[in-house]
C-alpha atoms as a PDB file:
ATOM      1  CA  MET A   1      17.469  35.673 -62.349  1.00  0.00           C
ATOM      2  CA  PRO A   2      19.987  34.664 -59.650  1.00  0.00           C
ATOM      3  CA  ILE A   3      23.361  33.307 -60.757  1.00  0.00           C
ATOM      4  CA  ASN A   4      24.410  30.083 -59.081  1.00  0.00           C
ATOM      5  CA  ILE A   5      28.165  29.659 -58.670  1.00  0.00           C
ATOM      6  CA  ASP A   6      29.730  26.365 -57.660  1.00  0.00           C
ATOM      7  CA  TRP A   7      32.539  27.608 -55.412  1.00  0.00           C
ATOM      8  CA  LYS A   8      33.965  24.078 -55.141  1.00  0.00           C
ATOM      9  CA  SER A   9      34.407  23.784 -58.907  1.00  0.00           C
ATOM     10  CA  PRO A  10      38.075  23.466 -60.057  1.00  0.00           C
ATOM     11  CA  ARG A  11      37.458  26.110 -62.732  1.00  0.00           C
ATOM     12  CA  VAL A  12      36.171  28.619 -60.168  1.00  0.00           C
ATOM     13  CA  ALA A  13      39.106  27.834 -57.869  1.00  0.00           C
ATOM     14  CA  THR A  14      41.531  28.411 -60.761  1.00  0.00           C
ATOM     15  CA  ILE A  15      39.945  31.775 -61.611  1.00  0.00           C
ATOM     16  CA  ILE A  16      40.096  32.884 -57.965  1.00  0.00           C
ATOM     17  CA  ALA A  17      43.742  31.797 -57.746  1.00  0.00           C
ATOM     18  CA  LEU A  18      44.632  33.748 -60.911  1.00  0.00           C
ATOM     19  CA  ILE A  19      42.884  36.863 -59.584  1.00  0.00           C
ATOM     20  CA  ALA A  20      44.693  36.527 -56.237  1.00  0.00           C
ATOM     21  CA  ILE A  21      48.073  36.074 -57.965  1.00  0.00           C
ATOM     22  CA  SER A  22      47.402  39.125 -60.152  1.00  0.00           C
ATOM     23  CA  ILE A  23      46.514  41.268 -57.126  1.00  0.00           C
ATOM     24  CA  ILE A  24      49.616  40.074 -55.263  1.00  0.00           C
ATOM     25  CA  GLY A  25      51.798  40.744 -58.320  1.00  0.00           C
ATOM     26  CA  ILE A  26      50.478  44.288 -58.718  1.00  0.00           C
ATOM     27  CA  SER A  27      50.880  44.937 -54.980  1.00  0.00           C
ATOM     28  CA  LEU A  28      54.473  43.676 -55.027  1.00  0.00           C
ATOM     29  CA  GLY A  29      55.231  45.906 -58.002  1.00  0.00           C
ATOM     30  CA  ILE A  30      53.968  48.937 -56.091  1.00  0.00           C
ATOM     31  CA  VAL A  31      55.906  47.949 -52.965  1.00  0.00           C
ATOM     32  CA  VAL A  32      59.188  47.422 -54.823  1.00  0.00           C
ATOM     33  CA  SER A  33      58.881  50.806 -56.544  1.00  0.00           C
ATOM     34  CA  GLU A  34      57.956  52.741 -53.389  1.00  0.00           C
ATOM     35  CA  PHE A  35      60.103  51.221 -50.621  1.00  0.00           C
ATOM     36  CA  SER A  36      63.748  50.327 -50.029  1.00  0.00           C
ATOM     37  CA  PHE A  37      65.189  46.974 -51.051  1.00  0.00           C
ATOM     38  CA  GLU A  38      65.240  45.669 -47.460  1.00  0.00           C
ATOM     39  CA  VAL A  39      61.605  46.579 -46.788  1.00  0.00           C
ATOM     40  CA  SER A  40      60.500  45.193 -50.147  1.00  0.00           C
ATOM     41  CA  LEU A  41      62.379  41.935 -49.535  1.00  0.00           C
ATOM     42  CA  ALA A  42      60.870  41.579 -46.049  1.00  0.00           C
ATOM     43  CA  LEU A  43      57.338  42.140 -47.376  1.00  0.00           C
ATOM     44  CA  ILE A  44      57.848  39.676 -50.226  1.00  0.00           C
ATOM     45  CA  LEU A  45      59.209  37.014 -47.861  1.00  0.00           C
ATOM     46  CA  GLY A  46      56.310  37.689 -45.490  1.00  0.00           C
ATOM     47  CA  ILE A  47      53.794  37.125 -48.283  1.00  0.00           C
ATOM     48  CA  ILE A  48      55.591  33.912 -49.302  1.00  0.00           C
ATOM     49  CA  VAL A  49      55.492  32.605 -45.722  1.00  0.00           C
ATOM     50  CA  PHE A  50      51.807  33.573 -45.432  1.00  0.00           C
ATOM     51  CA  ILE A  51      50.882  31.665 -48.607  1.00  0.00           C
ATOM     52  CA  LEU A  52      53.094  28.702 -47.655  1.00  0.00           C
ATOM     53  CA  THR A  53      51.457  28.485 -44.216  1.00  0.00           C
ATOM     54  CA  LEU A  54      48.024  28.779 -45.778  1.00  0.00           C
ATOM     55  CA  VAL A  55      48.826  25.770 -47.963  1.00  0.00           C
ATOM     56  CA  ASN A  56      50.918  23.820 -45.433  1.00  0.00           C
ATOM     57  CA  THR A  57      50.886  24.940 -41.796  1.00  0.00           C
ATOM     58  CA  GLU A  58      53.566  22.395 -40.912  1.00  0.00           C
ATOM     59  CA  ALA A  59      56.036  24.099 -43.261  1.00  0.00           C
ATOM     60  CA  GLY A  60      55.280  27.507 -41.733  1.00  0.00           C
ATOM     61  CA  LEU A  61      55.907  26.214 -38.207  1.00  0.00           C
ATOM     62  CA  ALA A  62      59.172  24.583 -39.341  1.00  0.00           C
ATOM     63  CA  ILE A  63      60.353  27.935 -40.741  1.00  0.00           C
ATOM     64  CA  LEU A  64      59.450  29.525 -37.403  1.00  0.00           C
ATOM     65  CA  ILE A  65      61.528  26.946 -35.506  1.00  0.00           C
ATOM     66  CA  PHE A  66      64.600  27.623 -37.645  1.00  0.00           C
ATOM     67  CA  SER A  67      64.160  31.392 -37.352  1.00  0.00           C
ATOM     68  CA  MET A  68      64.043  31.401 -33.536  1.00  0.00           C
ATOM     69  CA  LEU A  69      67.842  31.424 -33.188  1.00  0.00           C
ATOM     70  CA  LEU A  70      68.833  32.016 -36.805  1.00  0.00           C
ATOM     71  CA  SER A  71      67.194  35.382 -37.407  1.00  0.00           C
ATOM     72  CA  PRO A  72      68.472  38.910 -36.710  1.00  0.00           C
ATOM     73  CA  GLU A  73      67.039  41.387 -34.239  1.00  0.00           C
ATOM     74  CA  ILE A  74      65.539  44.727 -35.249  1.00  0.00           C
ATOM     75  CA  ILE A  75      65.556  47.773 -32.949  1.00  0.00           C
ATOM     76  CA  VAL A  76      62.051  49.267 -33.072  1.00  0.00           C
ATOM     77  CA  GLY A  77      62.403  51.814 -30.277  1.00  0.00           C
ATOM     78  CA  GLU A  78      64.258  52.931 -27.188  1.00  0.00           C
ATOM     79  CA  VAL A  79      63.339  53.416 -23.553  1.00  0.00           C
ATOM     80  CA  PRO A  80      65.602  54.696 -20.760  1.00  0.00           C
ATOM     81  CA  GLY A  81      68.382  52.162 -20.261  1.00  0.00           C
ATOM     82  CA  ARG A  82      67.293  49.662 -22.908  1.00  0.00           C
ATOM     83  CA  ASP A  83      66.471  49.220 -26.578  1.00  0.00           C
ATOM     84  CA  ILE A  84      63.161  47.657 -27.629  1.00  0.00           C
ATOM     85  CA  VAL A  85      63.982  44.933 -30.125  1.00  0.00           C
ATOM     86  CA  ILE A  86      62.045  42.339 -32.055  1.00  0.00           C
ATOM     87  CA  ARG A  87      63.357  39.304 -33.884  1.00  0.00           C
ATOM     88  CA  ILE A  88      62.341  38.182 -37.335  1.00  0.00           C
ATOM     89  CA  ASP A  89      60.645  35.167 -35.740  1.00  0.00           C
ATOM     90  CA  ASP A  90      58.320  37.572 -33.876  1.00  0.00           C
ATOM     91  CA  LEU A  91      57.106  38.927 -37.209  1.00  0.00           C
ATOM     92  CA  LEU A  92      56.906  35.421 -38.683  1.00  0.00           C
ATOM     93  CA  LEU A  93      54.748  34.269 -35.773  1.00  0.00           C
ATOM     94  CA  ILE A  94      52.291  37.113 -36.426  1.00  0.00           C
ATOM     95  CA  ILE A  95      52.198  36.254 -40.145  1.00  0.00           C
ATOM     96  CA  ILE A  96      51.737  32.533 -39.465  1.00  0.00           C
ATOM     97  CA  THR A  97      48.988  33.277 -36.924  1.00  0.00           C
ATOM     98  CA  PHE A  98      47.046  35.362 -39.453  1.00  0.00           C
ATOM     99  CA  ALA A  99      47.551  32.632 -42.065  1.00  0.00           C
ATOM    100  CA  TRP A 100      46.185  30.043 -39.630  1.00  0.00           C
ATOM    101  CA  MET A 101      43.166  32.243 -38.859  1.00  0.00           C
ATOM    102  CA  ALA A 102      42.525  32.653 -42.588  1.00  0.00           C
ATOM    103  CA  LYS A 103      42.817  28.898 -43.048  1.00  0.00           C
ATOM    104  CA  THR A 104      40.296  28.195 -40.283  1.00  0.00           C
ATOM    105  CA  ALA A 105      37.921  30.747 -41.840  1.00  0.00           C
ATOM    106  CA  ILE A 106      38.152  28.972 -45.206  1.00  0.00           C
ATOM    107  CA  ASN A 107      38.021  25.441 -43.799  1.00  0.00           C
ATOM    108  CA  LYS A 108      35.099  25.223 -41.384  1.00  0.00           C
ATOM    109  CA  GLY A 109      36.349  21.837 -40.179  1.00  0.00           C
ATOM    110  CA  LEU A 110      39.330  23.434 -38.454  1.00  0.00           C
ATOM    111  CA  ALA A 111      38.935  24.868 -34.955  1.00  0.00           C
ATOM    112  CA  LEU A 112      40.546  28.178 -34.080  1.00  0.00           C
ATOM    113  CA  PHE A 113      40.953  27.189 -30.427  1.00  0.00           C
ATOM    114  CA  ILE A 114      41.125  23.696 -28.975  1.00  0.00           C
ATOM    115  CA  ARG A 115      40.223  23.149 -25.338  1.00  0.00           C
ATOM    116  CA  THR A 116      43.252  22.178 -23.266  1.00  0.00           C
ATOM    117  CA  PRO A 117      43.922  22.063 -19.505  1.00  0.00           C
ATOM    118  CA  LEU A 118      46.136  25.163 -19.869  1.00  0.00           C
ATOM    119  CA  ASN A 119      43.615  27.466 -21.557  1.00  0.00           C
ATOM    120  CA  LYS A 120      42.094  28.812 -18.340  1.00  0.00           C
ATOM    121  CA  ALA A 121      45.499  29.276 -16.681  1.00  0.00           C
ATOM    122  CA  ILE A 122      46.839  31.101 -19.752  1.00  0.00           C
ATOM    123  CA  GLY A 123      43.791  33.370 -19.851  1.00  0.00           C
ATOM    124  CA  ILE A 124      44.128  34.259 -16.148  1.00  0.00           C
ATOM    125  CA  TYR A 125      47.873  34.884 -16.500  1.00  0.00           C
ATOM    126  CA  VAL A 126      47.408  37.204 -19.491  1.00  0.00           C
ATOM    127  CA  LEU A 127      44.620  39.078 -17.681  1.00  0.00           C
ATOM    128  CA  VAL A 128      46.811  39.575 -14.590  1.00  0.00           C
ATOM    129  CA  CYS A 129      49.718  40.775 -16.772  1.00  0.00           C
ATOM    130  CA  VAL A 130      47.502  43.289 -18.563  1.00  0.00           C
ATOM    131  CA  ILE A 131      45.943  44.615 -15.338  1.00  0.00           C
ATOM    132  CA  ALA A 132      49.310  44.861 -13.548  1.00  0.00           C
ATOM    133  CA  THR A 133      50.919  46.629 -16.511  1.00  0.00           C
ATOM    134  CA  LEU A 134      48.067  49.118 -16.870  1.00  0.00           C
ATOM    135  CA  ARG A 135      48.189  49.805 -13.114  1.00  0.00           C
ATOM    136  CA  GLY A 136      51.948  50.361 -13.303  1.00  0.00           C
ATOM    137  CA  ILE A 137      51.493  52.759 -16.220  1.00  0.00           C
ATOM    138  CA  ALA A 138      48.750  54.666 -14.379  1.00  0.00           C
ATOM    139  CA  LEU A 139      50.944  55.033 -11.272  1.00  0.00           C
ATOM    140  CA  GLY A 140      54.005  56.011 -13.296  1.00  0.00           C
ATOM    141  CA  TYR A 141      56.086  52.951 -12.389  1.00  0.00           C
ATOM    142  CA  VAL A 142      56.125  51.478 -15.911  1.00  0.00           C
ATOM    143  CA  VAL A 143      57.101  53.051 -19.218  1.00  0.00           C
ATOM    144  CA  PRO A 144      53.978  52.540 -21.404  1.00  0.00           C
ATOM    145  CA  GLU A 145      55.820  51.503 -24.576  1.00  0.00           C
ATOM    146  CA  LYS A 146      58.069  49.052 -22.760  1.00  0.00           C
ATOM    147  CA  GLY A 147      55.346  47.540 -20.579  1.00  0.00           C
ATOM    148  CA  LEU A 148      52.806  47.003 -23.345  1.00  0.00           C
ATOM    149  CA  PHE A 149      55.494  45.668 -25.690  1.00  0.00           C
ATOM    150  CA  TYR A 150      56.574  42.952 -23.268  1.00  0.00           C
ATOM    151  CA  VAL A 151      52.982  41.990 -22.485  1.00  0.00           C
ATOM    152  CA  LEU A 152      52.465  41.509 -26.217  1.00  0.00           C
ATOM    153  CA  ARG A 153      55.589  39.330 -26.269  1.00  0.00           C
ATOM    154  CA  TYR A 154      54.064  37.105 -23.564  1.00  0.00           C
ATOM    155  CA  ILE A 155      50.829  36.830 -25.540  1.00  0.00           C
ATOM    156  CA  GLU A 156      52.894  35.965 -28.607  1.00  0.00           C
ATOM    157  CA  TYR A 157      54.384  32.932 -26.837  1.00  0.00           C
ATOM    158  CA  PHE A 158      50.918  31.676 -25.971  1.00  0.00           C
ATOM    159  CA  LEU A 159      49.835  32.147 -29.600  1.00  0.00           C
ATOM    160  CA  LEU A 160      52.639  29.786 -30.570  1.00  0.00           C
ATOM    161  CA  TYR A 161      51.337  27.220 -28.072  1.00  0.00           C
ATOM    162  CA  ILE A 162      47.819  27.516 -29.522  1.00  0.00           C
ATOM    163  CA  LEU A 163      49.121  27.116 -33.085  1.00  0.00           C
ATOM    164  CA  VAL A 164      51.099  23.992 -32.236  1.00  0.00           C
ATOM    165  CA  VAL A 165      48.297  22.403 -30.202  1.00  0.00           C
ATOM    166  CA  ASN A 166      45.845  23.000 -33.051  1.00  0.00           C
ATOM    167  CA  HIS A 167      48.159  21.485 -35.632  1.00  0.00           C
ATOM    168  CA  ILE A 168      49.839  18.432 -34.084  1.00  0.00           C
ATOM    169  CA  HIS A 169      47.796  15.257 -34.454  1.00  0.00           C
ATOM    170  CA  SER A 170      50.387  12.464 -34.791  1.00  0.00           C
ATOM    171  CA  ARG A 171      53.744  11.242 -33.473  1.00  0.00           C
ATOM    172  CA  LYS A 172      55.190  11.714 -36.963  1.00  0.00           C
ATOM    173  CA  GLN A 173      54.572  15.461 -36.734  1.00  0.00           C
ATOM    174  CA  ILE A 174      56.174  15.586 -33.280  1.00  0.00           C
ATOM    175  CA  LYS A 175      59.290  13.836 -34.617  1.00  0.00           C
ATOM    176  CA  PHE A 176      59.411  16.266 -37.557  1.00  0.00           C
ATOM    177  CA  PHE A 177      59.333  19.343 -35.323  1.00  0.00           C
ATOM    178  CA  LEU A 178      61.820  17.850 -32.855  1.00  0.00           C
ATOM    179  CA  GLY A 179      64.151  17.182 -35.793  1.00  0.00           C
ATOM    180  CA  ALA A 180      63.877  20.838 -36.816  1.00  0.00           C
ATOM    181  CA  PHE A 181      64.706  21.901 -33.234  1.00  0.00           C
ATOM    182  CA  PHE A 182      67.759  19.615 -33.061  1.00  0.00           C
ATOM    183  CA  ILE A 183      69.075  20.759 -36.461  1.00  0.00           C
ATOM    184  CA  THR A 184      68.757  24.396 -35.375  1.00  0.00           C
ATOM    185  CA  CYS A 185      70.443  23.588 -32.068  1.00  0.00           C
ATOM    186  CA  THR A 186      73.327  21.878 -33.882  1.00  0.00           C
ATOM    187  CA  ILE A 187      73.889  24.917 -36.118  1.00  0.00           C
ATOM    188  CA  VAL A 188      73.921  27.449 -33.267  1.00  0.00           C
ATOM    189  CA  SER A 189      76.051  25.133 -31.086  1.00  0.00           C
ATOM    190  CA  VAL A 190      78.727  24.899 -33.798  1.00  0.00           C
ATOM    191  CA  TYR A 191      78.583  28.687 -34.078  1.00  0.00           C
ATOM    192  CA  GLY A 192      79.042  28.943 -30.308  1.00  0.00           C
ATOM    193  CA  LEU A 193      82.030  26.561 -30.324  1.00  0.00           C
ATOM    194  CA  ILE A 194      83.699  28.707 -32.984  1.00  0.00           C
ATOM    195  CA  GLN A 195      83.347  31.734 -30.675  1.00  0.00           C
ATOM    196  CA  ILE A 196      85.132  30.119 -27.700  1.00  0.00           C
ATOM    197  CA  PRO A 197      88.732  30.372 -29.052  1.00  0.00           C
ATOM    198  CA  GLN A 198      88.092  34.047 -29.838  1.00  0.00           C
ATOM    199  CA  GLY A 199      87.694  34.807 -26.130  1.00  0.00           C
ATOM    200  CA  ILE A 200      84.285  36.460 -26.511  1.00  0.00           C
ATOM    201  CA  ARG A 201      80.968  35.765 -24.795  1.00  0.00           C
ATOM    202  CA  VAL A 202      79.218  32.893 -26.524  1.00  0.00           C
ATOM    203  CA  SER A 203      75.876  33.860 -28.050  1.00  0.00           C
ATOM    204  CA  ALA A 204      73.582  32.920 -30.917  1.00  0.00           C
ATOM    205  CA  PRO A 205      74.105  34.268 -34.458  1.00  0.00           C
ATOM    206  CA  PHE A 206      72.783  37.679 -35.566  1.00  0.00           C
ATOM    207  CA  GLU A 207      72.676  39.171 -32.047  1.00  0.00           C
ATOM    208  CA  GLY A 208      75.000  42.105 -32.692  1.00  0.00           C
ATOM    209  CA  GLN A 209      78.346  42.903 -31.096  1.00  0.00           C
ATOM    210  CA  VAL A 210      77.197  42.535 -27.486  1.00  0.00           C
ATOM    211  CA  GLY A 211      75.070  39.418 -27.940  1.00  0.00           C
ATOM    212  CA  GLU A 212      72.667  37.819 -25.480  1.00  0.00           C
ATOM    213  CA  PRO A 213      74.307  34.762 -23.868  1.00  0.00           C
ATOM    214  CA  ASN A 214      71.310  34.323 -21.539  1.00  0.00           C
ATOM    215  CA  THR A 215      68.982  33.781 -24.499  1.00  0.00           C
ATOM    216  CA  PHE A 216      71.375  31.260 -26.032  1.00  0.00           C
ATOM    217  CA  GLY A 217      71.854  29.453 -22.715  1.00  0.00           C
ATOM    218  CA  GLY A 218      68.104  29.258 -22.096  1.00  0.00           C
ATOM    219  CA  TYR A 219      67.557  27.850 -25.582  1.00  0.00           C
ATOM    220  CA  LEU A 220      70.231  25.171 -25.082  1.00  0.00           C
ATOM    221  CA  LEU A 221      68.761  24.239 -21.691  1.00  0.00           C
ATOM    222  CA  PHE A 222      65.324  23.857 -23.292  1.00  0.00           C
ATOM    223  CA  ILE A 223      66.725  21.639 -26.063  1.00  0.00           C
ATOM    224  CA  PHE A 224      68.631  19.509 -23.540  1.00  0.00           C
ATOM    225  CA  CYS A 225      65.321  18.844 -21.768  1.00  0.00           C
ATOM    226  CA  LEU A 226      63.752  17.757 -25.065  1.00  0.00           C
ATOM    227  CA  ALA A 227      66.692  15.482 -25.834  1.00  0.00           C
END
């Protein structure tokens, strides 16, 4: 005799939530015991952001906005003449993207991709980047790790565009995200002003001893356009 389960029932939802929390708790226990404190903390924060985005995508995007200039860089590799680095916001964007995909899978009313005038142009641009990079690798002009890494970074930016376009539906949301941008800009600008009397190159926080003034300047220019 088949068993009929009402998946929309509050009791069923509670049981599923308890099972999920138990699995997450056991997994975190294993992670904490097996890995270093930094890795364990990063994984725990990643899980928190994933769950938060699953519940409230707006909160996840706000965290991403704050992390763009207020998160440290991590060196993941080296190529001749340059380190390959990623920022914490790169990892957060991947986590938030997976959370959004999971949310669209659960809620059939949400679309994974919305048609916009830029979709075709973005697709062509990504295709050209991939083909050009692969050609450069085949001819020996491009270091494979470096080339593929930066192509993925380009694709990452377009993922952010897709996430925002799918989520924003009102002027209130636009004002909320702009407020988050301006608060972040204020924080990093104060940090930059503090650096001026020290006679060093002005850059954003957490960028190491050398810093990247170009990144900071580009960010400020972008915010000035929004203002």
